[in-house]
Every structure is written in structure tokens, then in C-alpha cells.
C-alpha atoms as a PDB file:
ATOM      1  CA  MET A   1      94.327   5.107   9.203  1.00  0.00           C
ATOM      2  CA  LEU A   2      96.017   6.835   6.431  1.00  0.00           C
ATOM      3  CA  PHE A   3     100.003   5.258   7.125  1.00  0.00           C
ATOM      4  CA  ASP A   4     101.041   1.915   8.233  1.00  0.00           C
ATOM      5  CA  SER A   5     102.069   1.538  11.651  1.00  0.00           C
ATOM      6  CA  HIS A   6     105.960   1.648  11.117  1.00  0.00           C
ATOM      7  CA  MET A   7     104.986   5.209   9.226  1.00  0.00           C
ATOM      8  CA  ALA A   8     102.506   6.332  11.859  1.00  0.00           C
ATOM      9  CA  ALA A   9     105.534   5.567  14.380  1.00  0.00           C
ATOM     10  CA  LEU A  10     107.665   7.888  12.635  1.00  0.00           C
ATOM     11  CA  LEU A  11     105.557  10.478  11.955  1.00  0.00           C
ATOM     12  CA  ASP A  12     104.408  10.268  15.740  1.00  0.00           C
ATOM     13  CA  ALA A  13     108.121  10.688  16.962  1.00  0.00           C
ATOM     14  CA  GLY A  14     108.853  13.541  14.233  1.00  0.00           C
ATOM     15  CA  VAL A  15     105.783  15.121  15.709  1.00  0.00           C
ATOM     16  CA  ALA A  16     106.928  14.430  19.852  1.00  0.00           C
ATOM     17  CA  LEU A  17     110.182  15.610  19.178  1.00  0.00           C
ATOM     18  CA  VAL A  18     109.434  19.025  17.988  1.00  0.00           C
ATOM     19  CA  ASN A  19     107.055  19.348  20.701  1.00  0.00           C
ATOM     20  CA  ALA A  20     109.259  18.306  23.496  1.00  0.00           C
ATOM     21  CA  LEU A  21     112.495  19.756  21.848  1.00  0.00           C
ATOM     22  CA  THR A  22     111.616  23.418  20.383  1.00  0.00           C
ATOM     23  CA  ASP A  23     110.976  26.740  21.931  1.00  0.00           C
ATOM     24  CA  GLY A  24     107.626  28.388  21.621  1.00  0.00           C
ATOM     25  CA  GLU A  25     103.946  28.106  23.118  1.00  0.00           C
ATOM     26  CA  ALA A  26     101.896  25.052  24.565  1.00  0.00           C
ATOM     27  CA  ARG A  27      98.271  25.530  25.489  1.00  0.00           C
ATOM     28  CA  GLY A  28      98.249  28.998  26.205  1.00  0.00           C
ATOM     29  CA  ARG A  29     101.594  29.282  27.878  1.00  0.00           C
ATOM     30  CA  PRO A  30     105.243  29.880  26.768  1.00  0.00           C
ATOM     31  CA  PHE A  31     107.030  26.649  26.262  1.00  0.00           C
ATOM     32  CA  THR A  32     111.181  26.823  26.794  1.00  0.00           C
ATOM     33  CA  ALA A  33     112.709  23.392  25.386  1.00  0.00           C
ATOM     34  CA  PRO A  34     114.900  21.503  27.756  1.00  0.00           C
ATOM     35  CA  ALA A  35     118.271  22.180  27.713  1.00  0.00           C
ATOM     36  CA  GLY A  36     121.942  20.884  29.183  1.00  0.00           C
ATOM     37  CA  ASP A  37     121.615  18.170  31.665  1.00  0.00           C
ATOM     38  CA  ALA A  38     117.689  17.879  30.955  1.00  0.00           C
ATOM     39  CA  LEU A  39     118.107  17.297  27.136  1.00  0.00           C
ATOM     40  CA  PRO A  40     118.785  13.611  27.019  1.00  0.00           C
ATOM     41  CA  ALA A  41     115.795  13.082  29.853  1.00  0.00           C
ATOM     42  CA  ALA A  42     113.327  14.830  27.268  1.00  0.00           C
ATOM     43  CA  VAL A  43     114.407  13.114  23.920  1.00  0.00           C
ATOM     44  CA  HIS A  44     114.479  10.051  25.975  1.00  0.00           C
ATOM     45  CA  ALA A  45     110.551  10.650  26.926  1.00  0.00           C
ATOM     46  CA  ALA A  46     109.462  12.077  23.578  1.00  0.00           C
ATOM     47  CA  LEU A  47     110.859   8.534  21.986  1.00  0.00           C
ATOM     48  CA  PRO A  48     108.498   5.583  21.562  1.00  0.00           C
ATOM     49  CA  SER A  49     109.453   2.713  23.840  1.00  0.00           C
ATOM     50  CA  PRO A  50     111.776   4.281  25.887  1.00  0.00           C
ATOM     51  CA  GLY A  51     111.821   1.390  28.131  1.00  0.00           C
ATOM     52  CA  ALA A  52     113.620  -0.320  25.272  1.00  0.00           C
ATOM     53  CA  ARG A  53     116.431   1.818  24.990  1.00  0.00           C
ATOM     54  CA  PRO A  54     119.353   2.285  27.553  1.00  0.00           C
ATOM     55  CA  SER A  55     118.536   5.380  29.473  1.00  0.00           C
ATOM     56  CA  PRO A  56     120.025   8.274  29.619  1.00  0.00           C
ATOM     57  CA  ILE A  57     120.634   8.880  26.027  1.00  0.00           C
ATOM     58  CA  GLU A  58     124.137  10.573  25.404  1.00  0.00           C
ATOM     59  CA  PRO A  59     124.354  13.931  25.363  1.00  0.00           C
ATOM     60  CA  ALA A  60     125.557  14.621  22.138  1.00  0.00           C
ATOM     61  CA  GLN A  61     122.974  12.244  20.909  1.00  0.00           C
ATOM     62  CA  ALA A  62     120.120  14.504  22.437  1.00  0.00           C
ATOM     63  CA  ALA A  63     121.507  17.572  20.981  1.00  0.00           C
ATOM     64  CA  HIS A  64     121.653  16.301  17.511  1.00  0.00           C
ATOM     65  CA  LEU A  65     117.753  14.993  17.976  1.00  0.00           C
ATOM     66  CA  ALA A  66     117.283  18.435  19.739  1.00  0.00           C
ATOM     67  CA  ALA A  67     118.767  19.861  16.164  1.00  0.00           C
ATOM     68  CA  THR A  68     116.364  17.793  14.200  1.00  0.00           C
ATOM     69  CA  ALA A  69     113.433  18.641  15.985  1.00  0.00           C
ATOM     70  CA  ARG A  70     114.286  22.526  15.132  1.00  0.00           C
ATOM     71  CA  GLU A  71     114.669  21.521  11.739  1.00  0.00           C
ATOM     72  CA  LEU A  72     111.392  19.525  11.537  1.00  0.00           C
ATOM     73  CA  ARG A  73     109.487  22.533  13.024  1.00  0.00           C
ATOM     74  CA  GLN A  74     110.758  24.296   9.937  1.00  0.00           C
ATOM     75  CA  VAL A  75     108.793  21.777   7.908  1.00  0.00           C
ATOM     76  CA  PHE A  76     105.580  22.233   9.899  1.00  0.00           C
ATOM     77  CA  GLU A  77     105.493  25.809   9.640  1.00  0.00           C
ATOM     78  CA  ALA A  78     106.253  26.162   6.197  1.00  0.00           C
ATOM     79  CA  VAL A  79     104.187  23.433   5.394  1.00  0.00           C
ATOM     80  CA  ALA A  80     101.157  25.449   7.526  1.00  0.00           C
ATOM     81  CA  HIS A  81     102.081  28.776   5.784  1.00  0.00           C
ATOM     82  CA  ASP A  82     101.732  26.830   1.949  1.00  0.00           C
ATOM     83  CA  ARG A  83     105.455  26.993   1.349  1.00  0.00           C
ATOM     84  CA  LEU A  84     106.066  23.269   0.339  1.00  0.00           C
ATOM     85  CA  ASP A  85     109.315  24.420  -1.713  1.00  0.00           C
ATOM     86  CA  ASP A  86     110.666  25.555   1.735  1.00  0.00           C
ATOM     87  CA  ALA A  87     109.487  22.651   3.791  1.00  0.00           C
ATOM     88  CA  VAL A  88     111.367  20.312   0.898  1.00  0.00           C
ATOM     89  CA  ALA A  89     114.358  21.908   1.029  1.00  0.00           C
ATOM     90  CA  VAL A  90     114.850  21.122   4.822  1.00  0.00           C
ATOM     91  CA  LEU A  91     113.788  17.526   4.335  1.00  0.00           C
ATOM     92  CA  ASN A  92     116.137  16.964   1.693  1.00  0.00           C
ATOM     93  CA  LYS A  93     118.673  19.005   3.555  1.00  0.00           C
ATOM     94  CA  LEU A  94     118.189  16.352   6.823  1.00  0.00           C
ATOM     95  CA  LEU A  95     117.755  13.454   4.637  1.00  0.00           C
ATOM     96  CA  ARG A  96     121.272  14.116   3.350  1.00  0.00           C
ATOM     97  CA  ALA A  97     122.936  14.788   6.636  1.00  0.00           C
ATOM     98  CA  ASN A  98     121.574  11.623   8.007  1.00  0.00           C
ATOM     99  CA  GLY A  99     122.198   9.523   5.284  1.00  0.00           C
ATOM    100  CA  ALA A 100     118.701   8.429   4.897  1.00  0.00           C
ATOM    101  CA  ARG A 101     118.394   5.381   2.460  1.00  0.00           C
ATOM    102  CA  PRO A 102     115.506   2.709   2.722  1.00  0.00           C
ATOM    103  CA  GLN A 103     116.455  -0.705   3.650  1.00  0.00           C
ATOM    104  CA  LEU A 104     114.957  -3.780   4.862  1.00  0.00           C
ATOM    105  CA  ASP A 105     115.685  -4.599   8.451  1.00  0.00           C
ATOM    106  CA  ARG A 106     114.513  -7.259  11.059  1.00  0.00           C
ATOM    107  CA  VAL A 107     114.207  -7.420  14.788  1.00  0.00           C
ATOM    108  CA  GLU A 108     114.205 -10.529  16.505  1.00  0.00           C
ATOM    109  CA  GLY A 109     110.719 -11.794  16.773  1.00  0.00           C
ATOM    110  CA  GLU A 110     109.348  -9.078  14.563  1.00  0.00           C
ATOM    111  CA  PRO A 111     108.498  -9.722  10.909  1.00  0.00           C
ATOM    112  CA  TRP A 112     111.067  -7.304   7.910  1.00  0.00           C
ATOM    113  CA  GLN A 113     110.615  -3.355   8.276  1.00  0.00           C
ATOM    114  CA  VAL A 114     111.907  -0.583   5.968  1.00  0.00           C
ATOM    115  CA  HIS A 115     114.253   1.357   7.916  1.00  0.00           C
ATOM    116  CA  PHE A 116     115.541   4.371   6.464  1.00  0.00           C
ATOM    117  CA  HIS A 117     119.000   4.423   8.048  1.00  0.00           C
ATOM    118  CA  GLY A 118     121.934   1.642   8.462  1.00  0.00           C
ATOM    119  CA  ALA A 119     121.736  -0.738  11.337  1.00  0.00           C
ATOM    120  CA  ASP A 120     125.242   0.760  12.775  1.00  0.00           C
ATOM    121  CA  ASP A 121     124.114   4.301  12.455  1.00  0.00           C
ATOM    122  CA  SER A 122     123.699   6.184  15.811  1.00  0.00           C
ATOM    123  CA  LEU A 123     120.171   6.410  17.681  1.00  0.00           C
ATOM    124  CA  ALA A 124     120.239  10.184  16.725  1.00  0.00           C
ATOM    125  CA  VAL A 125     120.940   9.615  13.147  1.00  0.00           C
ATOM    126  CA  GLY A 126     118.882   6.862  13.146  1.00  0.00           C
ATOM    127  CA  TRP A 127     115.454   8.650  14.708  1.00  0.00           C
ATOM    128  CA  SER A 128     116.983  12.062  12.431  1.00  0.00           C
ATOM    129  CA  ALA A 129     116.965   9.922   9.171  1.00  0.00           C
ATOM    130  CA  GLY A 130     113.053   8.023   9.864  1.00  0.00           C
ATOM    131  CA  CYS A 131     111.505  11.468  10.829  1.00  0.00           C
ATOM    132  CA  ALA A 132     112.639  13.299   8.028  1.00  0.00           C
ATOM    133  CA  THR A 133     111.926  10.228   5.626  1.00  0.00           C
ATOM    134  CA  GLY A 134     107.840  10.509   7.152  1.00  0.00           C
ATOM    135  CA  LEU A 135     107.589  13.912   6.639  1.00  0.00           C
ATOM    136  CA  ALA A 136     109.093  13.604   3.140  1.00  0.00           C
ATOM    137  CA  MET A 137     106.734  10.612   2.502  1.00  0.00           C
ATOM    138  CA  VAL A 138     103.870  12.832   3.577  1.00  0.00           C
ATOM    139  CA  ILE A 139     104.854  15.511   1.399  1.00  0.00           C
ATOM    140  CA  GLY A 140     105.854  13.731  -1.463  1.00  0.00           C
ATOM    141  CA  GLY A 141     102.239  11.444  -1.216  1.00  0.00           C
ATOM    142  CA  ASP A 142     100.196  15.000  -1.598  1.00  0.00           C
ATOM    143  CA  LEU A 143      99.193  14.778   1.757  1.00  0.00           C
ATOM    144  CA  ALA A 144     101.144  17.523   3.029  1.00  0.00           C
ATOM    145  CA  GLY A 145      97.838  19.058   4.259  1.00  0.00           C
ATOM    146  CA  ARG A 146      97.935  16.255   6.888  1.00  0.00           C
ATOM    147  CA  LEU A 147     100.493  18.270   8.723  1.00  0.00           C
ATOM    148  CA  GLY A 148      99.929  20.947  10.984  1.00  0.00           C
ATOM    149  CA  VAL A 149     100.376  23.769  13.539  1.00  0.00           C
ATOM    150  CA  CYS A 150      97.807  24.376  16.620  1.00  0.00           C
ATOM    151  CA  GLN A 151      95.317  26.933  15.418  1.00  0.00           C
ATOM    152  CA  ALA A 152      94.666  27.468  19.033  1.00  0.00           C
ATOM    153  CA  ALA A 153      95.698  31.092  20.872  1.00  0.00           C
ATOM    154  CA  GLN A 154      99.161  30.832  22.383  1.00  0.00           C
ATOM    155  CA  CYS A 155      99.864  27.475  21.330  1.00  0.00           C
ATOM    156  CA  ASP A 156     102.192  26.266  18.150  1.00  0.00           C
ATOM    157  CA  ARG A 157     102.739  22.962  19.081  1.00  0.00           C
ATOM    158  CA  VAL A 158     102.436  20.397  15.911  1.00  0.00           C
ATOM    159  CA  TYR A 159     100.603  17.570  14.719  1.00  0.00           C
ATOM    160  CA  VAL A 160      99.703  15.204  11.971  1.00  0.00           C
ATOM    161  CA  ASP A 161      96.020  14.668  11.187  1.00  0.00           C
ATOM    162  CA  THR A 162      95.092  11.202  10.741  1.00  0.00           C
ATOM    163  CA  SER A 163      91.309  11.846  11.071  1.00  0.00           C
ATOM    164  CA  ARG A 164      89.205  10.651   8.182  1.00  0.00           C
ATOM    165  CA  ASN A 165      88.280  14.371   7.069  1.00  0.00           C
ATOM    166  CA  ALA A 166      91.036  16.035   7.429  1.00  0.00           C
ATOM    167  CA  GLY A 167      89.761  18.359   9.710  1.00  0.00           C
ATOM    168  CA  ARG A 168      92.070  18.393  12.914  1.00  0.00           C
ATOM    169  CA  GLN A 169      93.019  22.154  13.751  1.00  0.00           C
ATOM    170  CA  PHE A 170      94.562  21.795  17.177  1.00  0.00           C
ATOM    171  CA  CYS A 171      97.562  19.853  18.880  1.00  0.00           C
ATOM    172  CA  SER A 172      95.703  18.181  21.601  1.00  0.00           C
ATOM    173  CA  THR A 173      92.148  18.089  23.056  1.00  0.00           C
ATOM    174  CA  ALA A 174      92.971  20.618  25.568  1.00  0.00           C
ATOM    175  CA  CYS A 175      93.376  23.134  23.071  1.00  0.00           C
ATOM    176  CA  GLN A 176      90.451  22.552  21.198  1.00  0.00           C
ATOM    177  CA  ASN A 177      88.457  23.205  24.266  1.00  0.00           C
ATOM    178  CA  ARG A 178      90.260  25.735  25.095  1.00  0.00           C
ATOM    179  CA  SER A 179      89.431  27.670  21.923  1.00  0.00           C
ATOM    180  CA  LYS A 180      85.751  26.841  22.185  1.00  0.00           C
ATOM    181  CA  ALA A 181      85.438  27.826  25.548  1.00  0.00           C
ATOM    182  CA  ALA A 182      87.271  31.473  24.339  1.00  0.00           C
ATOM    183  CA  ALA A 183      84.739  31.400  21.681  1.00  0.00           C
ATOM    184  CA  PHE A 184      81.762  31.327  23.686  1.00  0.00           C
ATOM    185  CA  ARG A 185      83.299  33.460  26.027  1.00  0.00           C
ATOM    186  CA  ALA A 186      83.522  36.033  23.195  1.00  0.00           C
ATOM    187  CA  ARG A 187      79.639  35.489  21.864  1.00  0.00           C
ATOM    188  CA  ARG A 188      78.252  35.660  25.517  1.00  0.00           C
ATOM    189  CA  ALA A 189      80.449  39.003  25.846  1.00  0.00           C
ATOM    190  CA  ALA A 190      79.142  40.374  22.383  1.00  0.00           C
ATOM    191  CA  GLN A 191      75.746  39.939  23.153  1.00  0.00           C
ATOM    192  CA  ALA A 192      75.533  41.501  26.534  1.00  0.00           C
END
């Protein structure tokens, strides 16, 4: 594993927010991000440990996280196109806007953890700061190649590659299987 459990949780949350809250394509179909009354429930489902939070998430908090997701998508896409300067510019803007700052916090019954927001910050600011910091740590740790956009046709969902050989190309097994099946069909058609 490349990242400690806290950093992995932040990266997973960032990926989940981008994939759940940004328009595009998913697994071969157009994907329209939830909006309006559906947005708070989508945010609630995307964040880890939904049972630990009150539900539903306030609409203003959901809108903040949807805006963060759109900016995080820009980071993944910039990295995928070898435009690290663009990715860093977006991340630095997010870090400043959400007041990201490291500090140690303890939740009852758990060990000290590094958080990247104040204890009195809103849920949206906390997750925005944390997700942006997680991606900044990946890029700043010379691991930008671990951030990816699905290579399957008609899919633009994002992922963080935690594989040993850094060979991941797809957001999911479904997209990997879809791509392999399409390649097989193309080979068979070429032989016919």
C-alpha cells in the first residue's frame, strides 16, 4: 500500500466525489451528476462512513462539495494529460479557498490523526481541504502518475492507482472487462 489509511481515505473520498458529482461518461454511458434535491443524498453516499454523519447533508454543504468535485476533476484530467502545472494551480486554489492547514485531532476512542482543517470548519470545508491536500501530497510526493482517468471507451471516471506496478488503466473491473471484450471482438472481426 502506498498511502497510510488516513491519506487513502482522503484520496478515496476525492475519487468518490468526482465520480459521483461530475458530468461525463461512466461505463459506456452518459452520466449526469445529481443536482437540486438529489445532490445532498449523492454527497452523503459518496463520502466514507455515511452512518457517522447526520443525514441529509445541508444543500449548501452539498453544493460546496459538488464545486470541489468539479475542481478535483480538473486536477485528474490535467495530470492525465501531463499538465502538472495546471493541476497544481487548481489544487493551490482549492487549498487556499478551504483554509487547508495541518493539525492533530483526536476523535474519542481513536489515536491522534493529522487533519487538514479546523475542528470548527463545516463538513464541506473539511472534506474539500482534506481531499485537496491528499491530491497535493500525491503530486508533491512525485506520485502524480498514480492519478488516472479511465482509459475505457466512453468512460471518464477517475481513480487512484494503488497497485504494486502502477499499471492500472481503468476505473473499475467493469470497464476493464468491457475494453477487453471490445478488443477481442475487434481482433475476431479483423481475422474474418
